[in-house]
């Protein structure tokens, strides 16, 4: 049997294959509420045969959203529409996951198709927060430096969001600590210039993430998977790098995290990134081999044969498909045909098998 189409069990949850839909923002919510776009978007990936569907970065607080169009899970009222999504995904053989996020200094922007720039307060924006008052773009308003009470609120917001995610029927929880958003901003010495216990030494810069993991685990069941997405490098000299990422992964494993979703970049706008097919796979491979934790590979993985090769070489345990799944929501069904493996098709589609 192909590795890509073989099941993967993490704790009490089994994915029918190793194809996961990577969280990709749709910027189509209103006041954090999911709608029919999200139901159809995530539902079609479940119908299309993916084993795991991870919902896009979902704000743990209103000020944690990247844009006013981001999904949120900071109100109990958000859960009804989210539950409709998780129910549908499960009905069609997928495992519903959610990525919990706080955008930090990169929050309060317009949607990408509206320019993606920071919104003024009088045009629907809000004050952003960060470990240090350093803006993402020089012309942006400086974020407010989080004090200890603000840090405690962030931790509490992630904990409350995790509890709501469980109530909404999600079966995998991912903490977003990548792409230059708040947790990543604490990890990197470029954006974290604090002099207190949350800045400076490696142990201090990872403190917020560790506190969030511990808080989330008080409400997230121990028999259900917990992932963390990290940027393995900032692609900038003097920034967060793969050596620190390996150290962090080892620490996260000891804290009970099950899988590192291994991405990179996003911290600064002028990073020079070596884009190429599978350009982040080596990061996932090194973390996996040096720490023993499960990893997910993501980044310009566009073909079924490429995904199969990554798994067969033991570089990763899970393949996260992003843009390719936007082009082909039925990647899982396509994989069955290409690899000559029998996979379950929706009965409504069997005539096309």
Protein backbone atom coordinates (compact mmCIF):
# COMPACT_ATOMS: atom_id res chain seq x y z
CA UNK A 1 0.00 0.00 0.00
CA UNK A 2 1.19 3.52 -0.67
CA UNK A 3 2.48 5.45 2.35
CA UNK A 4 0.42 8.50 1.42
CA UNK A 5 -2.81 6.53 1.53
CA UNK A 6 -1.96 4.52 4.62
CA UNK A 7 -3.69 5.45 7.89
CA UNK A 8 -1.99 7.40 10.65
CA UNK A 9 -3.10 7.11 14.27
CA UNK A 10 -2.19 9.79 16.79
CA UNK A 11 -3.51 9.06 20.26
CA UNK A 12 -7.17 8.06 19.83
CA UNK A 13 -7.67 9.68 16.43
CA UNK A 14 -6.99 7.83 13.17
CA UNK A 15 -6.63 9.66 9.87
CA UNK A 16 -7.63 7.45 6.96
CA UNK A 17 -4.61 8.69 5.00
CA UNK A 18 -1.69 11.08 5.44
CA UNK A 19 -3.17 13.88 3.36
CA UNK A 20 -3.99 16.94 5.44
CA UNK A 21 -5.46 20.19 4.21
CA UNK A 22 -3.22 22.95 5.49
CA UNK A 23 -4.92 25.89 7.22
CA UNK A 24 -5.41 28.63 4.64
CA UNK A 25 -7.19 31.86 5.49
CA UNK A 26 -10.34 32.55 3.48
CA UNK A 27 -10.94 36.07 4.86
CA UNK A 28 -14.65 35.52 4.36
CA UNK A 29 -16.14 35.69 7.85
CA UNK A 30 -18.17 38.48 9.42
CA UNK A 31 -17.49 39.31 13.07
CA UNK A 32 -15.72 35.96 13.34
CA UNK A 33 -18.75 33.92 12.24
CA UNK A 34 -18.36 31.08 9.75
CA UNK A 35 -20.84 30.95 6.90
CA UNK A 36 -21.79 28.87 3.87
CA UNK A 37 -18.47 29.63 2.15
CA UNK A 38 -16.60 27.88 4.95
CA UNK A 39 -19.01 24.95 5.04
CA UNK A 40 -18.63 24.35 1.30
CA UNK A 41 -14.86 25.01 1.31
CA UNK A 42 -14.00 22.59 4.12
CA UNK A 43 -16.76 20.16 3.25
CA UNK A 44 -15.53 19.77 -0.33
CA UNK A 45 -12.04 18.82 0.92
CA UNK A 46 -13.59 16.12 3.09
CA UNK A 47 -15.63 14.89 0.14
CA UNK A 48 -12.39 15.04 -1.86
CA UNK A 49 -10.75 12.41 0.31
CA UNK A 50 -8.38 14.24 2.66
CA UNK A 51 -7.80 12.49 5.97
CA UNK A 52 -7.43 15.69 8.00
CA UNK A 53 -8.89 19.12 7.29
CA UNK A 54 -7.38 21.89 9.42
CA UNK A 55 -9.48 25.02 9.61
CA UNK A 56 -7.74 28.29 8.83
CA UNK A 57 -6.13 30.53 11.45
CA UNK A 58 -9.04 31.23 13.80
CA UNK A 59 -8.74 34.22 16.09
CA UNK A 60 -8.70 33.54 19.82
CA UNK A 61 -9.72 37.17 20.35
CA UNK A 62 -11.11 39.99 18.18
CA UNK A 63 -7.75 41.77 18.25
CA UNK A 64 -6.01 38.52 17.31
CA UNK A 65 -7.51 38.43 13.81
CA UNK A 66 -5.37 39.24 10.79
CA UNK A 67 -8.31 40.94 9.09
CA UNK A 68 -11.95 41.72 9.91
CA UNK A 69 -12.74 38.75 7.64
CA UNK A 70 -10.98 36.16 9.81
CA UNK A 71 -12.84 33.38 11.56
CA UNK A 72 -13.07 33.68 15.32
CA UNK A 73 -13.71 31.39 18.25
CA UNK A 74 -13.85 33.97 21.02
CA UNK A 75 -17.64 33.88 21.43
CA UNK A 76 -19.88 30.97 22.34
CA UNK A 77 -22.15 32.14 19.53
CA UNK A 78 -19.48 31.21 16.97
CA UNK A 79 -19.89 27.53 17.77
CA UNK A 80 -23.18 26.79 15.99
CA UNK A 81 -21.77 27.45 12.52
CA UNK A 82 -18.44 25.80 13.33
CA UNK A 83 -20.27 22.69 14.55
CA UNK A 84 -22.05 22.44 11.21
CA UNK A 85 -18.63 22.27 9.53
CA UNK A 86 -17.14 19.64 11.86
CA UNK A 87 -20.28 17.51 11.59
CA UNK A 88 -20.16 17.52 7.79
CA UNK A 89 -16.42 16.77 7.69
CA UNK A 90 -16.86 13.77 9.99
CA UNK A 91 -19.84 12.49 7.98
CA UNK A 92 -17.59 12.29 4.93
CA UNK A 93 -14.65 10.51 6.51
CA UNK A 94 -12.42 13.43 7.42
CA UNK A 95 -11.05 14.51 10.78
CA UNK A 96 -11.79 18.17 11.53
CA UNK A 97 -8.92 20.20 12.96
CA UNK A 98 -8.61 23.86 13.88
CA UNK A 99 -5.68 26.25 14.03
CA UNK A 100 -5.88 28.71 16.92
CA UNK A 101 -4.11 31.98 16.24
CA UNK A 102 -3.26 35.48 17.37
CA UNK A 103 -1.83 37.74 14.67
CA UNK A 104 0.09 40.08 16.97
CA UNK A 105 1.61 43.03 15.12
CA UNK A 106 0.31 41.66 11.79
CA UNK A 107 -3.33 42.04 12.88
CA UNK A 108 -5.89 44.63 11.86
CA UNK A 109 -5.24 44.57 8.12
CA UNK A 110 -7.55 44.72 5.13
CA UNK A 111 -8.22 41.55 3.18
CA UNK A 112 -5.50 40.63 0.65
CA UNK A 113 -7.72 41.47 -2.32
CA UNK A 114 -8.32 44.89 -0.72
CA UNK A 115 -4.61 45.59 -0.41
CA UNK A 116 -3.67 43.72 2.78
CA UNK A 117 -2.44 46.88 4.49
CA UNK A 118 -2.89 47.90 8.10
CA UNK A 119 -6.31 49.51 8.58
CA UNK A 120 -6.54 52.88 10.33
CA UNK A 121 -8.66 52.91 13.47
CA UNK A 122 -11.34 54.97 11.74
CA UNK A 123 -11.56 52.46 8.89
CA UNK A 124 -12.18 49.30 10.92
CA UNK A 125 -8.69 48.65 12.27
CA UNK A 126 -7.60 48.22 15.86
CA UNK A 127 -4.55 48.64 18.07
CA UNK A 128 -2.17 45.73 17.64
CA UNK A 129 -0.01 44.09 20.31
CA UNK A 130 3.43 42.47 20.20
CA UNK A 131 6.33 41.48 22.45
CA UNK A 132 8.09 44.74 21.54
CA UNK A 133 6.83 47.96 19.88
CA UNK A 134 8.30 47.19 16.44
CA UNK A 135 5.93 47.47 13.44
CA UNK A 136 5.91 44.93 10.59
CA UNK A 137 6.22 47.65 7.94
CA UNK A 138 8.02 50.89 8.85
CA UNK A 139 4.91 52.95 8.00
CA UNK A 140 2.61 50.86 10.23
CA UNK A 141 1.53 52.09 13.63
CA UNK A 142 3.77 50.69 16.34
CA UNK A 143 2.15 47.78 18.20
CA UNK A 144 1.57 48.09 21.91
CA UNK A 145 4.11 46.13 23.94
CA UNK A 146 2.29 43.49 25.93
CA UNK A 147 2.61 43.83 29.68
CA UNK A 148 2.27 40.86 32.01
CA UNK A 149 -1.51 41.23 32.31
CA UNK A 150 -1.75 41.35 28.52
CA UNK A 151 0.33 38.18 28.24
CA UNK A 152 -1.90 36.47 30.78
CA UNK A 153 -4.94 37.47 28.70
CA UNK A 154 -3.40 35.93 25.57
CA UNK A 155 -2.79 32.65 27.41
CA UNK A 156 -6.33 32.68 28.80
CA UNK A 157 -7.76 33.42 25.35
CA UNK A 158 -6.01 30.38 23.85
CA UNK A 159 -7.30 28.23 26.71
CA UNK A 160 -10.90 29.43 26.24
CA UNK A 161 -10.65 28.97 22.48
CA UNK A 162 -9.42 25.39 22.93
CA UNK A 163 -12.39 24.61 25.16
CA UNK A 164 -14.77 26.03 22.55
CA UNK A 165 -13.01 24.07 19.80
CA UNK A 166 -13.71 20.87 21.70
CA UNK A 167 -17.35 21.85 22.14
CA UNK A 168 -17.59 22.55 18.39
CA UNK A 169 -16.47 19.01 17.55
CA UNK A 170 -12.90 19.55 16.40
CA UNK A 171 -10.66 16.52 16.93
CA UNK A 172 -7.23 18.04 16.29
CA UNK A 173 -5.98 21.29 17.79
CA UNK A 174 -3.11 23.24 16.26
CA UNK A 175 -1.45 26.24 17.91
CA UNK A 176 -0.19 28.74 15.35
CA UNK A 177 3.35 29.74 16.33
CA UNK A 178 4.60 30.57 12.82
CA UNK A 179 4.54 33.13 10.00
CA UNK A 180 5.38 36.19 12.04
CA UNK A 181 2.25 36.18 14.16
CA UNK A 182 2.25 36.80 17.90
CA UNK A 183 3.81 33.61 19.25
CA UNK A 184 6.47 33.63 16.53
CA UNK A 185 7.15 37.28 17.38
CA UNK A 186 8.02 36.17 20.91
CA UNK A 187 10.24 33.35 19.61
CA UNK A 188 12.42 35.45 17.34
CA UNK A 189 15.10 37.81 18.70
CA UNK A 190 14.36 40.14 15.79
CA UNK A 191 10.90 41.01 17.10
CA UNK A 192 11.38 40.18 20.77
CA UNK A 193 13.65 42.73 22.40
CA UNK A 194 12.19 42.46 25.88
CA UNK A 195 14.33 42.59 28.99
CA UNK A 196 11.99 40.62 31.25
CA UNK A 197 11.39 36.88 31.64
CA UNK A 198 9.77 36.71 28.18
CA UNK A 199 12.77 38.05 26.28
CA UNK A 200 16.45 37.52 25.73
CA UNK A 201 17.54 33.92 26.30
CA UNK A 202 15.99 31.06 24.33
CA UNK A 203 14.15 29.75 27.40
CA UNK A 204 12.54 33.15 27.88
CA UNK A 205 11.53 33.62 24.24
CA UNK A 206 9.75 30.25 24.16
CA UNK A 207 8.02 30.92 27.49
CA UNK A 208 4.75 32.25 26.04
CA UNK A 209 4.33 29.23 23.75
CA UNK A 210 5.03 26.79 26.57
CA UNK A 211 2.52 28.58 28.80
CA UNK A 212 -0.09 28.43 26.04
CA UNK A 213 0.53 24.71 25.48
CA UNK A 214 0.14 24.03 29.20
CA UNK A 215 -3.02 26.14 29.44
CA UNK A 216 -4.57 24.47 26.39
CA UNK A 217 -3.84 21.03 27.82
CA UNK A 218 -6.00 21.80 30.87
CA UNK A 219 -9.07 21.75 28.61
CA UNK A 220 -7.99 19.74 25.55
CA UNK A 221 -8.35 15.97 26.16
CA UNK A 222 -5.11 14.05 26.60
CA UNK A 223 -6.30 11.40 24.12
CA UNK A 224 -6.71 13.88 21.24
CA UNK A 225 -3.90 15.24 19.02
CA UNK A 226 -2.20 18.54 19.73
CA UNK A 227 -0.11 20.11 16.95
CA UNK A 228 2.05 23.22 16.85
CA UNK A 229 2.90 25.02 13.61
CA UNK A 230 6.28 26.71 13.68
CA UNK A 231 8.47 28.63 11.29
CA UNK A 232 11.71 26.64 11.28
CA UNK A 233 13.68 29.72 10.22
CA UNK A 234 13.14 33.44 9.70
CA UNK A 235 15.42 33.30 6.61
CA UNK A 236 17.25 36.30 8.10
CA UNK A 237 20.66 36.47 9.75
CA UNK A 238 20.35 36.89 13.49
CA UNK A 239 16.81 35.58 13.56
CA UNK A 240 15.11 32.39 14.66
CA UNK A 241 16.75 29.42 12.94
CA UNK A 242 16.54 25.67 12.50
CA UNK A 243 18.86 24.97 15.44
CA UNK A 244 16.48 26.78 17.79
CA UNK A 245 13.52 25.13 16.06
CA UNK A 246 14.96 21.69 16.86
CA UNK A 247 15.47 22.67 20.50
CA UNK A 248 11.90 23.98 20.66
CA UNK A 249 10.49 20.81 19.09
CA UNK A 250 12.26 18.69 21.68
CA UNK A 251 10.80 20.84 24.44
CA UNK A 252 7.32 20.70 22.92
CA UNK A 253 7.53 16.92 22.71
CA UNK A 254 8.28 16.78 26.44
CA UNK A 255 5.25 19.03 27.01
CA UNK A 256 2.96 16.56 25.26
CA UNK A 257 2.73 18.06 21.76
CA UNK A 258 2.22 15.33 19.18
CA UNK A 259 3.30 16.84 15.86
CA UNK A 260 5.26 19.81 14.55
CA UNK A 261 3.69 21.35 11.45
CA UNK A 262 6.91 22.63 9.92
CA UNK A 263 6.74 25.84 7.91
CA UNK A 264 9.08 28.86 7.73
CA UNK A 265 9.32 32.61 7.26
CA UNK A 266 6.71 35.31 7.64
CA UNK A 267 8.41 37.35 10.36
CA UNK A 268 9.78 40.20 8.24
CA UNK A 269 8.72 41.45 4.82
CA UNK A 270 12.20 41.52 3.27
CA UNK A 271 13.36 37.96 3.98
CA UNK A 272 14.99 36.22 1.03
CA UNK A 273 13.43 32.76 0.85
CA UNK A 274 14.79 29.95 -1.30
CA UNK A 275 11.50 28.87 -2.86
CA UNK A 276 11.62 25.50 -4.63
CA UNK A 277 9.44 22.39 -4.66
CA UNK A 278 9.42 20.96 -1.15
CA UNK A 279 11.74 23.72 0.08
CA UNK A 280 10.71 23.21 3.73
CA UNK A 281 10.85 19.41 3.81
CA UNK A 282 14.44 19.30 5.10
CA UNK A 283 13.34 21.26 8.17
CA UNK A 284 10.62 18.73 8.95
CA UNK A 285 13.05 15.90 8.34
CA UNK A 286 15.73 17.25 10.66
CA UNK A 287 13.25 17.94 13.47
CA UNK A 288 11.79 14.45 13.10
CA UNK A 289 15.15 12.70 13.10
CA UNK A 290 16.76 14.68 15.93
CA UNK A 291 13.81 14.78 18.33
CA UNK A 292 11.65 11.78 17.47
CA UNK A 293 8.50 13.90 17.31
CA UNK A 294 6.07 13.47 14.42
CA UNK A 295 6.29 16.15 11.74
CA UNK A 296 4.14 17.48 8.95
CA UNK A 297 5.73 18.67 5.70
CA UNK A 298 4.30 21.67 3.87
CA UNK A 299 5.43 24.05 1.14
CA UNK A 300 5.22 23.67 -2.65
CA UNK A 301 4.19 20.03 -2.41
CA UNK A 302 2.05 19.81 -5.50
CA UNK A 303 2.09 16.24 -6.79
CA UNK A 304 1.07 12.87 -5.45
CA UNK A 305 4.39 11.30 -6.39
CA UNK A 306 6.27 14.07 -4.55
CA UNK A 307 4.18 13.53 -1.42
CA UNK A 308 4.75 9.78 -1.61
CA UNK A 309 8.53 10.25 -1.94
CA UNK A 310 8.66 12.51 1.15
CA UNK A 311 6.90 9.91 3.26
CA UNK A 312 8.86 6.95 1.91
CA UNK A 313 12.11 8.75 2.73
CA UNK A 314 10.88 9.21 6.33
CA UNK A 315 11.17 12.98 6.11
CA UNK A 316 7.71 13.48 7.61
CA UNK A 317 4.64 11.63 8.84
CA UNK A 318 1.94 13.83 7.35
CA UNK A 319 1.72 15.84 4.13
CA UNK A 320 -0.03 19.19 4.37
CA UNK A 321 -1.45 20.32 1.06
CA UNK A 322 -2.12 24.03 0.68
CA UNK A 323 -2.45 25.80 -2.67
CA UNK A 324 -2.66 22.50 -4.55
CA UNK A 325 -5.84 21.71 -2.60
CA UNK A 326 -7.32 25.00 -3.82
CA UNK A 327 -6.64 23.88 -7.38
CA UNK A 328 -7.77 20.33 -6.71
CA UNK A 329 -10.13 19.84 -3.76
CA UNK A 330 -10.27 16.12 -4.65
CA UNK A 331 -6.56 15.47 -4.12
CA UNK A 332 -7.31 12.35 -2.04
CA UNK A 333 -9.54 10.80 -4.69
CA UNK A 334 -7.00 11.70 -7.37
CA UNK A 335 -4.28 10.02 -5.32
CA UNK A 336 -6.24 6.78 -5.25
CA UNK A 337 -6.46 6.72 -9.02
CA UNK A 338 -2.84 7.71 -9.61
CA UNK A 339 -1.43 5.22 -7.10
CA UNK A 340 -3.85 2.45 -8.19
CA UNK A 341 -5.15 2.14 -4.62
CA UNK A 342 -8.73 1.54 -3.60
CA UNK A 343 -10.11 4.54 -1.71
CA UNK A 344 -13.64 5.27 -0.61
CA UNK A 345 -15.52 7.64 -2.89
CA UNK A 346 -18.71 9.44 -1.94
CA UNK A 347 -21.57 7.35 -3.25
CA UNK A 348 -22.83 10.37 -5.13
CA UNK A 349 -19.58 10.44 -7.17
CA UNK A 350 -19.01 6.73 -7.77
CA UNK A 351 -20.13 6.98 -11.41
CA UNK A 352 -16.97 9.03 -12.06
CA UNK A 353 -14.60 6.60 -10.36
